[in-house]
């Protein structure tokens, strides 16, 4: 489909101008892809688009994808390769309409999208497919900033690793953290830098990473179920935190054991019973999702030996959770990750 303009655009320029009647509006190119492809696609099924239904090995044309913003609007612009001629444009909503009405991810891949391309004058439109050679061609630049330990950042690390989403793991120390702290949203770690923007709060970071990694359910009810398990996994460990500030070692151990044998055991058994009721290997079904990653990380920390009075064999008391932990640890992406991370700070994470 031809776009509204056939003007050549300099692919090396950071800004561009397109004629809009008599007025020329400056534009800012905020994203420029590497190799990308245009596809003619079948109509969407009731559940949405799936790239497996396209002939992804036979694209109609090679293109480059630009995200172009001006003071009035924005477009996703496709350029013919190698000529640089504008091939089609996908105008972005300016009236508060959801972005997914014009840019829709497919359900089965992070590399393919459906665009609603339109002619600026007539508003005639069509839906086309766009694919990237690899997810890195369209992924944001991510830098996760935390200390060289598991803590509150390990879930985000594993979500990105499982989803094969590239990121930089930046370790903070006594010098770098004080310098970074005033720049963070709430003066806390971890912080995820997304194309230069700092995102705080581990729960928000985990959700964002899970969505990038395609490990967060699309269906609202399935998403709520995943959120439910995440909340329960956090609730399982929450009673232990009350003993952290106790100075007296004997009193601290007593409180830890009371919590461990009481509320922690009860909540963990309920979590295990729920997994059994699903009759699946993972909370996400046949494959793990965010609920499985959070559960795995929380109970890895529980059995790490980092908490006074809690043995590294603690999961033997919870056989369903222990079996789930073993299945997670055996996943190729996680096993590979901990080949380089299997140190005393993460002894509870690797496969037993």
C-alpha atoms as a PDB file:
ATOM      1  CA  UNK A   1       0.000   0.000   0.000  1.00  0.00           C
ATOM      2  CA  UNK A   2       1.361   3.408  -0.918  1.00  0.00           C
ATOM      3  CA  UNK A   3       1.586   6.031   1.796  1.00  0.00           C
ATOM      4  CA  UNK A   4       0.490   9.645   1.509  1.00  0.00           C
ATOM      5  CA  UNK A   5       3.891  10.812   0.342  1.00  0.00           C
ATOM      6  CA  UNK A   6       6.631   9.499  -1.934  1.00  0.00           C
ATOM      7  CA  UNK A   7       9.202  11.977  -0.649  1.00  0.00           C
ATOM      8  CA  UNK A   8      12.635  10.490   0.014  1.00  0.00           C
ATOM      9  CA  UNK A   9      13.701  10.629   3.658  1.00  0.00           C
ATOM     10  CA  UNK A  10      17.353  10.779   4.651  1.00  0.00           C
ATOM     11  CA  UNK A  11      17.753   7.670   6.808  1.00  0.00           C
ATOM     12  CA  UNK A  12      20.787   9.096   8.595  1.00  0.00           C
ATOM     13  CA  UNK A  13      19.073  12.288   9.724  1.00  0.00           C
ATOM     14  CA  UNK A  14      17.830  12.732  13.261  1.00  0.00           C
ATOM     15  CA  UNK A  15      15.076  15.051  12.051  1.00  0.00           C
ATOM     16  CA  UNK A  16      12.981  15.263   8.908  1.00  0.00           C
ATOM     17  CA  UNK A  17      10.363  17.509   7.312  1.00  0.00           C
ATOM     18  CA  UNK A  18       7.331  16.524   5.296  1.00  0.00           C
ATOM     19  CA  UNK A  19       5.137  18.940   3.339  1.00  0.00           C
ATOM     20  CA  UNK A  20       1.746  19.525   4.953  1.00  0.00           C
ATOM     21  CA  UNK A  21       0.052  21.831   2.438  1.00  0.00           C
ATOM     22  CA  UNK A  22       1.885  25.121   2.598  1.00  0.00           C
ATOM     23  CA  UNK A  23       3.279  24.561   6.059  1.00  0.00           C
ATOM     24  CA  UNK A  24       6.343  22.459   6.767  1.00  0.00           C
ATOM     25  CA  UNK A  25       6.332  20.893  10.228  1.00  0.00           C
ATOM     26  CA  UNK A  26       9.593  19.726  11.799  1.00  0.00           C
ATOM     27  CA  UNK A  27       9.656  16.086  12.785  1.00  0.00           C
ATOM     28  CA  UNK A  28      11.820  14.129  15.213  1.00  0.00           C
ATOM     29  CA  UNK A  29      12.779  10.534  14.455  1.00  0.00           C
ATOM     30  CA  UNK A  30      12.771   8.860  17.878  1.00  0.00           C
ATOM     31  CA  UNK A  31      13.268   5.291  16.670  1.00  0.00           C
ATOM     32  CA  UNK A  32      14.826   3.783  13.555  1.00  0.00           C
ATOM     33  CA  UNK A  33      14.832   0.019  13.083  1.00  0.00           C
ATOM     34  CA  UNK A  34      17.351  -2.258  11.542  1.00  0.00           C
ATOM     35  CA  UNK A  35      16.170  -4.838   9.042  1.00  0.00           C
ATOM     36  CA  UNK A  36      12.379  -5.230   9.012  1.00  0.00           C
ATOM     37  CA  UNK A  37       9.767  -6.782   6.744  1.00  0.00           C
ATOM     38  CA  UNK A  38       6.251  -6.027   5.464  1.00  0.00           C
ATOM     39  CA  UNK A  39       3.683  -8.844   5.245  1.00  0.00           C
ATOM     40  CA  UNK A  40       0.274  -9.252   3.686  1.00  0.00           C
ATOM     41  CA  UNK A  41      -1.730 -10.894   6.449  1.00  0.00           C
ATOM     42  CA  UNK A  42      -5.046 -12.715   6.843  1.00  0.00           C
ATOM     43  CA  UNK A  43      -7.896 -11.124   8.845  1.00  0.00           C
ATOM     44  CA  UNK A  44      -7.611 -11.433  12.602  1.00  0.00           C
ATOM     45  CA  UNK A  45      -9.248 -14.389  14.310  1.00  0.00           C
ATOM     46  CA  UNK A  46     -11.561 -13.764  17.253  1.00  0.00           C
ATOM     47  CA  UNK A  47      -8.632 -14.110  19.646  1.00  0.00           C
ATOM     48  CA  UNK A  48      -6.322 -11.766  17.718  1.00  0.00           C
ATOM     49  CA  UNK A  49      -3.414 -12.083  15.281  1.00  0.00           C
ATOM     50  CA  UNK A  50      -0.856 -14.896  15.281  1.00  0.00           C
ATOM     51  CA  UNK A  51       2.362 -14.722  13.257  1.00  0.00           C
ATOM     52  CA  UNK A  52       2.331 -18.490  12.805  1.00  0.00           C
ATOM     53  CA  UNK A  53      -0.560 -17.955  10.361  1.00  0.00           C
ATOM     54  CA  UNK A  54       1.578 -15.659   8.186  1.00  0.00           C
ATOM     55  CA  UNK A  55       4.125 -16.843   5.687  1.00  0.00           C
ATOM     56  CA  UNK A  56       6.896 -15.223   7.722  1.00  0.00           C
ATOM     57  CA  UNK A  57       9.633 -16.665   5.512  1.00  0.00           C
ATOM     58  CA  UNK A  58       8.215 -14.884   2.457  1.00  0.00           C
ATOM     59  CA  UNK A  59       7.758 -11.165   3.276  1.00  0.00           C
ATOM     60  CA  UNK A  60       6.225  -8.952   0.604  1.00  0.00           C
ATOM     61  CA  UNK A  61       8.918  -6.313   0.968  1.00  0.00           C
ATOM     62  CA  UNK A  62      11.926  -5.291   3.054  1.00  0.00           C
ATOM     63  CA  UNK A  63      11.401  -2.022   4.919  1.00  0.00           C
ATOM     64  CA  UNK A  64      12.785   0.188   7.639  1.00  0.00           C
ATOM     65  CA  UNK A  65      10.536   1.305  10.476  1.00  0.00           C
ATOM     66  CA  UNK A  66      10.668   4.832  11.910  1.00  0.00           C
ATOM     67  CA  UNK A  67       8.778   6.301  14.844  1.00  0.00           C
ATOM     68  CA  UNK A  68       8.341   9.955  13.912  1.00  0.00           C
ATOM     69  CA  UNK A  69       6.941  12.634  16.229  1.00  0.00           C
ATOM     70  CA  UNK A  70       5.971  16.231  15.576  1.00  0.00           C
ATOM     71  CA  UNK A  71       4.346  18.908  17.708  1.00  0.00           C
ATOM     72  CA  UNK A  72       0.932  17.842  16.411  1.00  0.00           C
ATOM     73  CA  UNK A  73       1.008  14.077  15.952  1.00  0.00           C
ATOM     74  CA  UNK A  74       3.085  10.971  15.498  1.00  0.00           C
ATOM     75  CA  UNK A  75       3.339   8.170  12.974  1.00  0.00           C
ATOM     76  CA  UNK A  76       4.994   4.843  12.465  1.00  0.00           C
ATOM     77  CA  UNK A  77       6.502   5.252   9.012  1.00  0.00           C
ATOM     78  CA  UNK A  78       7.655   2.442   6.741  1.00  0.00           C
ATOM     79  CA  UNK A  79      10.388   3.181   4.214  1.00  0.00           C
ATOM     80  CA  UNK A  80      11.153   0.990   1.235  1.00  0.00           C
ATOM     81  CA  UNK A  81      14.613  -0.538   1.467  1.00  0.00           C
ATOM     82  CA  UNK A  82      17.046   0.447   0.092  1.00  0.00           C
ATOM     83  CA  UNK A  83      15.444   3.431  -1.693  1.00  0.00           C
ATOM     84  CA  UNK A  84      14.221   5.224   1.462  1.00  0.00           C
ATOM     85  CA  UNK A  85      10.892   6.105  -0.231  1.00  0.00           C
ATOM     86  CA  UNK A  86       7.930   6.351   2.148  1.00  0.00           C
ATOM     87  CA  UNK A  87       5.906   3.195   1.604  1.00  0.00           C
ATOM     88  CA  UNK A  88       3.158   3.504   4.238  1.00  0.00           C
ATOM     89  CA  UNK A  89       2.292   5.324   7.439  1.00  0.00           C
ATOM     90  CA  UNK A  90       0.478   4.330  10.612  1.00  0.00           C
ATOM     91  CA  UNK A  91      -0.890   7.498  12.285  1.00  0.00           C
ATOM     92  CA  UNK A  92      -0.833   7.265  16.078  1.00  0.00           C
ATOM     93  CA  UNK A  93      -3.930   8.224  18.107  1.00  0.00           C
ATOM     94  CA  UNK A  94      -4.073  11.781  19.412  1.00  0.00           C
ATOM     95  CA  UNK A  95      -7.520  11.567  21.050  1.00  0.00           C
ATOM     96  CA  UNK A  96      -6.730   9.242  23.935  1.00  0.00           C
ATOM     97  CA  UNK A  97      -7.619   6.088  21.994  1.00  0.00           C
ATOM     98  CA  UNK A  98      -5.550   3.040  22.935  1.00  0.00           C
ATOM     99  CA  UNK A  99      -2.361   2.614  20.943  1.00  0.00           C
ATOM    100  CA  UNK A 100      -3.291  -1.031  20.361  1.00  0.00           C
ATOM    101  CA  UNK A 101      -6.058   0.081  17.970  1.00  0.00           C
ATOM    102  CA  UNK A 102      -3.344   0.931  15.444  1.00  0.00           C
ATOM    103  CA  UNK A 103      -0.281  -1.019  16.644  1.00  0.00           C
ATOM    104  CA  UNK A 104      -1.205  -4.501  17.822  1.00  0.00           C
ATOM    105  CA  UNK A 105       1.305  -7.116  19.014  1.00  0.00           C
ATOM    106  CA  UNK A 106       0.684 -10.626  17.757  1.00  0.00           C
ATOM    107  CA  UNK A 107      -0.062 -13.251  20.377  1.00  0.00           C
ATOM    108  CA  UNK A 108       2.761 -15.666  19.664  1.00  0.00           C
ATOM    109  CA  UNK A 109       5.900 -13.591  19.094  1.00  0.00           C
ATOM    110  CA  UNK A 110       7.693 -10.469  20.256  1.00  0.00           C
ATOM    111  CA  UNK A 111       9.013  -9.799  16.730  1.00  0.00           C
ATOM    112  CA  UNK A 112       5.786  -9.277  14.775  1.00  0.00           C
ATOM    113  CA  UNK A 113       3.126  -6.567  14.877  1.00  0.00           C
ATOM    114  CA  UNK A 114       0.008  -5.517  13.004  1.00  0.00           C
ATOM    115  CA  UNK A 115      -0.176  -1.871  11.878  1.00  0.00           C
ATOM    116  CA  UNK A 116      -3.229   0.080  10.771  1.00  0.00           C
ATOM    117  CA  UNK A 117      -1.747   2.050   7.878  1.00  0.00           C
ATOM    118  CA  UNK A 118      -3.786   4.932   6.481  1.00  0.00           C
ATOM    119  CA  UNK A 119      -3.676   7.593   3.778  1.00  0.00           C
ATOM    120  CA  UNK A 120      -3.526  10.998   5.461  1.00  0.00           C
ATOM    121  CA  UNK A 121      -5.923  12.691   3.034  1.00  0.00           C
ATOM    122  CA  UNK A 122      -8.611  10.084   2.419  1.00  0.00           C
ATOM    123  CA  UNK A 123      -8.170   8.095   5.645  1.00  0.00           C
ATOM    124  CA  UNK A 124      -8.474   4.880   3.652  1.00  0.00           C
ATOM    125  CA  UNK A 125      -6.777   2.229   5.703  1.00  0.00           C
ATOM    126  CA  UNK A 126      -5.596  -1.353   5.738  1.00  0.00           C
ATOM    127  CA  UNK A 127      -3.993  -3.711   8.234  1.00  0.00           C
ATOM    128  CA  UNK A 128      -0.541  -5.048   7.444  1.00  0.00           C
ATOM    129  CA  UNK A 129       2.052  -7.119   9.231  1.00  0.00           C
ATOM    130  CA  UNK A 130       5.518  -5.941  10.203  1.00  0.00           C
ATOM    131  CA  UNK A 131       8.273  -8.198  11.455  1.00  0.00           C
ATOM    132  CA  UNK A 132      11.804  -7.712  12.728  1.00  0.00           C
ATOM    133  CA  UNK A 133      14.741 -10.022  12.176  1.00  0.00           C
ATOM    134  CA  UNK A 134      15.285 -10.197  15.932  1.00  0.00           C
ATOM    135  CA  UNK A 135      13.629  -8.795  19.031  1.00  0.00           C
ATOM    136  CA  UNK A 136      16.659  -6.581  19.626  1.00  0.00           C
ATOM    137  CA  UNK A 137      15.775  -4.563  16.521  1.00  0.00           C
ATOM    138  CA  UNK A 138      12.759  -3.082  18.294  1.00  0.00           C
ATOM    139  CA  UNK A 139      13.407  -3.614  21.990  1.00  0.00           C
ATOM    140  CA  UNK A 140      14.057  -0.621  24.268  1.00  0.00           C
ATOM    141  CA  UNK A 141      17.480  -0.184  25.822  1.00  0.00           C
ATOM    142  CA  UNK A 142      17.225  -1.557  29.369  1.00  0.00           C
ATOM    143  CA  UNK A 143      19.647  -1.061  32.250  1.00  0.00           C
ATOM    144  CA  UNK A 144      18.715  -2.712  35.554  1.00  0.00           C
ATOM    145  CA  UNK A 145      20.435  -0.991  38.455  1.00  0.00           C
ATOM    146  CA  UNK A 146      20.790  -2.921  41.708  1.00  0.00           C
ATOM    147  CA  UNK A 147      23.433  -4.448  43.945  1.00  0.00           C
ATOM    148  CA  UNK A 148      25.294  -7.664  43.094  1.00  0.00           C
ATOM    149  CA  UNK A 149      22.828  -9.867  44.917  1.00  0.00           C
ATOM    150  CA  UNK A 150      19.412 -11.373  44.240  1.00  0.00           C
ATOM    151  CA  UNK A 151      17.152  -9.308  46.506  1.00  0.00           C
ATOM    152  CA  UNK A 152      14.405  -7.342  44.810  1.00  0.00           C
ATOM    153  CA  UNK A 153      15.937  -7.372  41.336  1.00  0.00           C
ATOM    154  CA  UNK A 154      16.259 -11.102  40.648  1.00  0.00           C
ATOM    155  CA  UNK A 155      12.692 -11.521  39.410  1.00  0.00           C
ATOM    156  CA  UNK A 156      13.192  -8.824  36.783  1.00  0.00           C
ATOM    157  CA  UNK A 157      16.501 -10.379  35.719  1.00  0.00           C
ATOM    158  CA  UNK A 158      14.907 -13.790  35.234  1.00  0.00           C
ATOM    159  CA  UNK A 159      11.848 -12.446  33.442  1.00  0.00           C
ATOM    160  CA  UNK A 160      14.095 -10.736  30.918  1.00  0.00           C
ATOM    161  CA  UNK A 161      16.352 -13.785  30.639  1.00  0.00           C
ATOM    162  CA  UNK A 162      13.410 -16.126  30.035  1.00  0.00           C
ATOM    163  CA  UNK A 163      11.992 -13.774  27.418  1.00  0.00           C
ATOM    164  CA  UNK A 164      15.404 -13.343  25.772  1.00  0.00           C
ATOM    165  CA  UNK A 165      15.078  -9.589  26.186  1.00  0.00           C
ATOM    166  CA  UNK A 166      18.524  -7.933  26.147  1.00  0.00           C
ATOM    167  CA  UNK A 167      19.431  -5.821  29.180  1.00  0.00           C
ATOM    168  CA  UNK A 168      22.447  -4.520  31.037  1.00  0.00           C
ATOM    169  CA  UNK A 169      22.822  -5.659  34.646  1.00  0.00           C
ATOM    170  CA  UNK A 170      24.493  -2.699  36.358  1.00  0.00           C
ATOM    171  CA  UNK A 171      25.688  -3.389  39.890  1.00  0.00           C
ATOM    172  CA  UNK A 172      25.605  -0.535  42.374  1.00  0.00           C
ATOM    173  CA  UNK A 173      28.113  -0.012  45.155  1.00  0.00           C
ATOM    174  CA  UNK A 174      28.865   2.391  47.990  1.00  0.00           C
ATOM    175  CA  UNK A 175      30.007   5.023  45.500  1.00  0.00           C
ATOM    176  CA  UNK A 176      27.523   4.735  42.652  1.00  0.00           C
ATOM    177  CA  UNK A 177      24.344   4.337  44.731  1.00  0.00           C
ATOM    178  CA  UNK A 178      24.555   7.670  46.625  1.00  0.00           C
ATOM    179  CA  UNK A 179      25.082   9.429  43.289  1.00  0.00           C
ATOM    180  CA  UNK A 180      22.106   7.671  41.700  1.00  0.00           C
ATOM    181  CA  UNK A 181      19.699   7.892  44.651  1.00  0.00           C
ATOM    182  CA  UNK A 182      18.512  11.508  44.189  1.00  0.00           C
ATOM    183  CA  UNK A 183      17.765  10.783  40.523  1.00  0.00           C
ATOM    184  CA  UNK A 184      15.451   7.836  41.255  1.00  0.00           C
ATOM    185  CA  UNK A 185      11.664   8.283  41.490  1.00  0.00           C
ATOM    186  CA  UNK A 186      11.444   7.356  45.204  1.00  0.00           C
ATOM    187  CA  UNK A 187      15.034   7.070  46.428  1.00  0.00           C
ATOM    188  CA  UNK A 188      14.925   3.268  46.318  1.00  0.00           C
ATOM    189  CA  UNK A 189      16.372   0.326  44.428  1.00  0.00           C
ATOM    190  CA  UNK A 190      15.999  -1.494  42.150  1.00  0.00           C
ATOM    191  CA  UNK A 191      15.677   0.952  39.282  1.00  0.00           C
ATOM    192  CA  UNK A 192      15.133   0.054  35.653  1.00  0.00           C
ATOM    193  CA  UNK A 193      16.339   2.556  33.080  1.00  0.00           C
ATOM    194  CA  UNK A 194      14.209   2.343  29.929  1.00  0.00           C
ATOM    195  CA  UNK A 195      15.643   4.360  27.058  1.00  0.00           C
ATOM    196  CA  UNK A 196      16.893   6.911  29.590  1.00  0.00           C
ATOM    197  CA  UNK A 197      13.747   6.989  31.774  1.00  0.00           C
ATOM    198  CA  UNK A 198      14.071   5.632  35.328  1.00  0.00           C
ATOM    199  CA  UNK A 199      11.362   3.275  36.558  1.00  0.00           C
ATOM    200  CA  UNK A 200      11.174   2.475  40.256  1.00  0.00           C
ATOM    201  CA  UNK A 201       9.320   0.003  42.522  1.00  0.00           C
ATOM    202  CA  UNK A 202      10.105  -3.673  42.005  1.00  0.00           C
ATOM    203  CA  UNK A 203       6.471  -4.691  41.393  1.00  0.00           C
ATOM    204  CA  UNK A 204       6.132  -2.148  38.573  1.00  0.00           C
ATOM    205  CA  UNK A 205       9.495  -3.215  37.144  1.00  0.00           C
ATOM    206  CA  UNK A 206       8.495  -6.884  37.248  1.00  0.00           C
ATOM    207  CA  UNK A 207       5.210  -6.220  35.453  1.00  0.00           C
ATOM    208  CA  UNK A 208       6.950  -4.196  32.760  1.00  0.00           C
ATOM    209  CA  UNK A 209       9.619  -6.849  32.256  1.00  0.00           C
ATOM    210  CA  UNK A 210       7.012  -9.623  32.158  1.00  0.00           C
ATOM    211  CA  UNK A 211       5.084  -7.809  29.442  1.00  0.00           C
ATOM    212  CA  UNK A 212       8.228  -7.243  27.391  1.00  0.00           C
ATOM    213  CA  UNK A 213       9.119 -10.909  27.806  1.00  0.00           C
ATOM    214  CA  UNK A 214       5.603 -12.083  26.880  1.00  0.00           C
ATOM    215  CA  UNK A 215       5.290 -13.663  30.324  1.00  0.00           C
ATOM    216  CA  UNK A 216       2.226 -11.702  31.398  1.00  0.00           C
ATOM    217  CA  UNK A 217      -1.158 -13.044  30.230  1.00  0.00           C
ATOM    218  CA  UNK A 218      -3.096 -11.109  27.585  1.00  0.00           C
ATOM    219  CA  UNK A 219      -6.491 -12.269  28.848  1.00  0.00           C
ATOM    220  CA  UNK A 220      -7.692 -10.067  31.750  1.00  0.00           C
ATOM    221  CA  UNK A 221      -8.876 -13.010  33.845  1.00  0.00           C
ATOM    222  CA  UNK A 222      -5.670 -14.977  33.290  1.00  0.00           C
ATOM    223  CA  UNK A 223      -3.725 -11.829  34.186  1.00  0.00           C
ATOM    224  CA  UNK A 224      -5.711 -11.475  37.409  1.00  0.00           C
ATOM    225  CA  UNK A 225      -4.976 -15.106  38.281  1.00  0.00           C
ATOM    226  CA  UNK A 226      -1.264 -14.497  37.724  1.00  0.00           C
ATOM    227  CA  UNK A 227      -1.448 -11.386  39.926  1.00  0.00           C
ATOM    228  CA  UNK A 228      -3.239 -13.467  42.562  1.00  0.00           C
ATOM    229  CA  UNK A 229      -0.416 -16.012  42.686  1.00  0.00           C
ATOM    230  CA  UNK A 230       2.219 -13.277  42.789  1.00  0.00           C
ATOM    231  CA  UNK A 231       0.461 -11.707  45.782  1.00  0.00           C
ATOM    232  CA  UNK A 232       0.233 -15.057  47.552  1.00  0.00           C
ATOM    233  CA  UNK A 233       3.905 -15.807  46.893  1.00  0.00           C
ATOM    234  CA  UNK A 234       4.785 -12.495  48.525  1.00  0.00           C
ATOM    235  CA  UNK A 235       2.381 -13.156  51.400  1.00  0.00           C
ATOM    236  CA  UNK A 236       4.118 -16.462  52.103  1.00  0.00           C
ATOM    237  CA  UNK A 237       7.324 -14.691  53.103  1.00  0.00           C
ATOM    238  CA  UNK A 238       5.845 -11.519  54.589  1.00  0.00           C
ATOM    239  CA  UNK A 239       5.488 -12.872  58.202  1.00  0.00           C
ATOM    240  CA  UNK A 240       9.264 -13.409  58.377  1.00  0.00           C
ATOM    241  CA  UNK A 241      10.042  -9.738  57.952  1.00  0.00           C
ATOM    242  CA  UNK A 242       8.830  -8.873  61.450  1.00  0.00           C
ATOM    243  CA  UNK A 243      11.884 -10.533  62.992  1.00  0.00           C
ATOM    244  CA  UNK A 244      14.434  -8.657  60.893  1.00  0.00           C
ATOM    245  CA  UNK A 245      14.720  -5.738  63.298  1.00  0.00           C
ATOM    246  CA  UNK A 246      14.990  -7.804  66.484  1.00  0.00           C
ATOM    247  CA  UNK A 247      18.437  -7.391  68.086  1.00  0.00           C
ATOM    248  CA  UNK A 248      18.313 -10.245  70.574  1.00  0.00           C
ATOM    249  CA  UNK A 249      19.415 -13.391  68.731  1.00  0.00           C
ATOM    250  CA  UNK A 250      17.331 -15.782  70.834  1.00  0.00           C
ATOM    251  CA  UNK A 251      14.173 -13.705  70.505  1.00  0.00           C
ATOM    252  CA  UNK A 252      14.779 -13.286  66.766  1.00  0.00           C
ATOM    253  CA  UNK A 253      15.105 -17.025  66.240  1.00  0.00           C
ATOM    254  CA  UNK A 254      11.956 -17.655  68.288  1.00  0.00           C
ATOM    255  CA  UNK A 255       9.889 -15.208  66.209  1.00  0.00           C
ATOM    256  CA  UNK A 256      11.266 -16.647  62.965  1.00  0.00           C
ATOM    257  CA  UNK A 257      10.347 -20.193  63.946  1.00  0.00           C
ATOM    258  CA  UNK A 258       6.871 -19.145  65.068  1.00  0.00           C
ATOM    259  CA  UNK A 259       6.248 -17.476  61.714  1.00  0.00           C
ATOM    260  CA  UNK A 260       7.796 -20.337  59.766  1.00  0.00           C
ATOM    261  CA  UNK A 261       5.755 -23.051  61.470  1.00  0.00           C
ATOM    262  CA  UNK A 262       2.576 -20.979  61.519  1.00  0.00           C
ATOM    263  CA  UNK A 263       1.532 -18.437  58.911  1.00  0.00           C
ATOM    264  CA  UNK A 264       4.362 -19.124  56.445  1.00  0.00           C
ATOM    265  CA  UNK A 265       3.627 -22.859  56.392  1.00  0.00           C
ATOM    266  CA  UNK A 266      -0.109 -22.333  56.083  1.00  0.00           C
ATOM    267  CA  UNK A 267       0.171 -19.849  53.209  1.00  0.00           C
ATOM    268  CA  UNK A 268       2.787 -21.929  51.388  1.00  0.00           C
ATOM    269  CA  UNK A 269       0.642 -25.068  51.639  1.00  0.00           C
ATOM    270  CA  UNK A 270      -2.303 -23.140  50.199  1.00  0.00           C
ATOM    271  CA  UNK A 271      -0.128 -21.952  47.320  1.00  0.00           C
ATOM    272  CA  UNK A 272       0.973 -25.511  46.637  1.00  0.00           C
ATOM    273  CA  UNK A 273      -2.611 -26.774  46.806  1.00  0.00           C
ATOM    274  CA  UNK A 274      -3.654 -24.203  44.220  1.00  0.00           C
ATOM    275  CA  UNK A 275      -0.942 -25.387  41.830  1.00  0.00           C
ATOM    276  CA  UNK A 276      -2.103 -28.983  42.320  1.00  0.00           C
ATOM    277  CA  UNK A 277      -5.668 -27.911  41.507  1.00  0.00           C
ATOM    278  CA  UNK A 278      -4.508 -26.522  38.154  1.00  0.00           C
ATOM    279  CA  UNK A 279      -3.151 -29.936  37.117  1.00  0.00           C
ATOM    280  CA  UNK A 280      -0.318 -28.243  35.229  1.00  0.00           C
ATOM    281  CA  UNK A 281       3.428 -28.003  35.738  1.00  0.00           C
ATOM    282  CA  UNK A 282       3.344 -24.234  36.072  1.00  0.00           C
ATOM    283  CA  UNK A 283       0.976 -21.563  37.311  1.00  0.00           C
ATOM    284  CA  UNK A 284       1.023 -20.294  33.734  1.00  0.00           C
ATOM    285  CA  UNK A 285      -0.108 -23.681  32.387  1.00  0.00           C
ATOM    286  CA  UNK A 286       2.247 -25.706  30.195  1.00  0.00           C
ATOM    287  CA  UNK A 287       4.737 -22.825  30.239  1.00  0.00           C
ATOM    288  CA  UNK A 288       5.756 -20.477  33.065  1.00  0.00           C
ATOM    289  CA  UNK A 289       4.586 -16.897  33.405  1.00  0.00           C
ATOM    290  CA  UNK A 290       5.277 -14.087  35.861  1.00  0.00           C
ATOM    291  CA  UNK A 291       3.601 -16.017  38.687  1.00  0.00           C
ATOM    292  CA  UNK A 292       6.057 -18.873  38.314  1.00  0.00           C
ATOM    293  CA  UNK A 293       9.075 -16.563  38.224  1.00  0.00           C
ATOM    294  CA  UNK A 294       8.060 -14.662  41.386  1.00  0.00           C
ATOM    295  CA  UNK A 295       7.284 -17.907  43.220  1.00  0.00           C
ATOM    296  CA  UNK A 296      10.603 -19.398  42.150  1.00  0.00           C
ATOM    297  CA  UNK A 297      12.598 -16.350  43.244  1.00  0.00           C
ATOM    298  CA  UNK A 298      10.832 -15.987  46.601  1.00  0.00           C
ATOM    299  CA  UNK A 299      11.352 -19.602  47.601  1.00  0.00           C
ATOM    300  CA  UNK A 300      14.905 -19.586  46.275  1.00  0.00           C
ATOM    301  CA  UNK A 301      15.593 -16.778  48.729  1.00  0.00           C
ATOM    302  CA  UNK A 302      13.792 -18.672  51.495  1.00  0.00           C
ATOM    303  CA  UNK A 303      16.085 -21.712  51.081  1.00  0.00           C
ATOM    304  CA  UNK A 304      19.249 -19.688  50.451  1.00  0.00           C
ATOM    305  CA  UNK A 305      20.427 -19.734  54.062  1.00  0.00           C
ATOM    306  CA  UNK A 306      20.438 -15.940  54.137  1.00  0.00           C
ATOM    307  CA  UNK A 307      17.725 -15.822  56.810  1.00  0.00           C
ATOM    308  CA  UNK A 308      18.761 -16.793  60.340  1.00  0.00           C
ATOM    309  CA  UNK A 309      17.033 -19.912  61.596  1.00  0.00           C
ATOM    310  CA  UNK A 310      15.783 -21.125  58.213  1.00  0.00           C
ATOM    311  CA  UNK A 311      17.608 -24.202  56.888  1.00  0.00           C
ATOM    312  CA  UNK A 312      18.550 -24.623  53.246  1.00  0.00           C
ATOM    313  CA  UNK A 313      16.411 -27.782  53.250  1.00  0.00           C
ATOM    314  CA  UNK A 314      13.220 -25.891  54.109  1.00  0.00           C
ATOM    315  CA  UNK A 315      11.460 -26.745  50.836  1.00  0.00           C
ATOM    316  CA  UNK A 316      11.398 -30.407  51.883  1.00  0.00           C
ATOM    317  CA  UNK A 317       8.458 -29.355  54.068  1.00  0.00           C
ATOM    318  CA  UNK A 318       6.588 -28.199  50.958  1.00  0.00           C
ATOM    319  CA  UNK A 319       6.966 -30.931  48.303  1.00  0.00           C
ATOM    320  CA  UNK A 320       4.724 -29.283  45.687  1.00  0.00           C
ATOM    321  CA  UNK A 321       6.642 -26.019  45.857  1.00  0.00           C
ATOM    322  CA  UNK A 322       9.941 -27.921  45.873  1.00  0.00           C
ATOM    323  CA  UNK A 323       8.946 -29.791  42.698  1.00  0.00           C
ATOM    324  CA  UNK A 324       7.884 -26.512  41.076  1.00  0.00           C
ATOM    325  CA  UNK A 325      11.233 -24.990  42.034  1.00  0.00           C
ATOM    326  CA  UNK A 326      13.074 -27.901  40.407  1.00  0.00           C
ATOM    327  CA  UNK A 327      11.081 -27.528  37.180  1.00  0.00           C
ATOM    328  CA  UNK A 328      11.863 -23.816  37.042  1.00  0.00           C
ATOM    329  CA  UNK A 329      15.560 -24.347  37.781  1.00  0.00           C
ATOM    330  CA  UNK A 330      15.732 -26.906  34.959  1.00  0.00           C
ATOM    331  CA  UNK A 331      14.423 -24.507  32.316  1.00  0.00           C
ATOM    332  CA  UNK A 332      17.267 -23.931  29.834  1.00  0.00           C
ATOM    333  CA  UNK A 333      17.217 -20.138  30.180  1.00  0.00           C
ATOM    334  CA  UNK A 334      17.369 -20.302  33.984  1.00  0.00           C
ATOM    335  CA  UNK A 335      19.937 -23.107  34.065  1.00  0.00           C
ATOM    336  CA  UNK A 336      22.154 -21.150  31.676  1.00  0.00           C
ATOM    337  CA  UNK A 337      21.711 -17.955  33.676  1.00  0.00           C
ATOM    338  CA  UNK A 338      22.863 -19.562  36.922  1.00  0.00           C
ATOM    339  CA  UNK A 339      25.901 -21.200  35.378  1.00  0.00           C
ATOM    340  CA  UNK A 340      27.484 -17.759  35.686  1.00  0.00           C
ATOM    341  CA  UNK A 341      25.522 -16.648  38.754  1.00  0.00           C
ATOM    342  CA  UNK A 342      25.909 -19.732  40.959  1.00  0.00           C
ATOM    343  CA  UNK A 343      27.767 -18.070  43.778  1.00  0.00           C
ATOM    344  CA  UNK A 344      27.135 -17.859  47.553  1.00  0.00           C
ATOM    345  CA  UNK A 345      24.756 -14.941  47.000  1.00  0.00           C
ATOM    346  CA  UNK A 346      22.438 -17.153  44.955  1.00  0.00           C
ATOM    347  CA  UNK A 347      22.869 -20.631  46.420  1.00  0.00           C
ATOM    348  CA  UNK A 348      19.116 -21.187  46.611  1.00  0.00           C
ATOM    349  CA  UNK A 349      18.470 -20.612  42.921  1.00  0.00           C
ATOM    350  CA  UNK A 350      20.350 -23.232  40.955  1.00  0.00           C
ATOM    351  CA  UNK A 351      18.991 -26.728  40.472  1.00  0.00           C
ATOM    352  CA  UNK A 352      19.725 -29.043  43.404  1.00  0.00           C
END
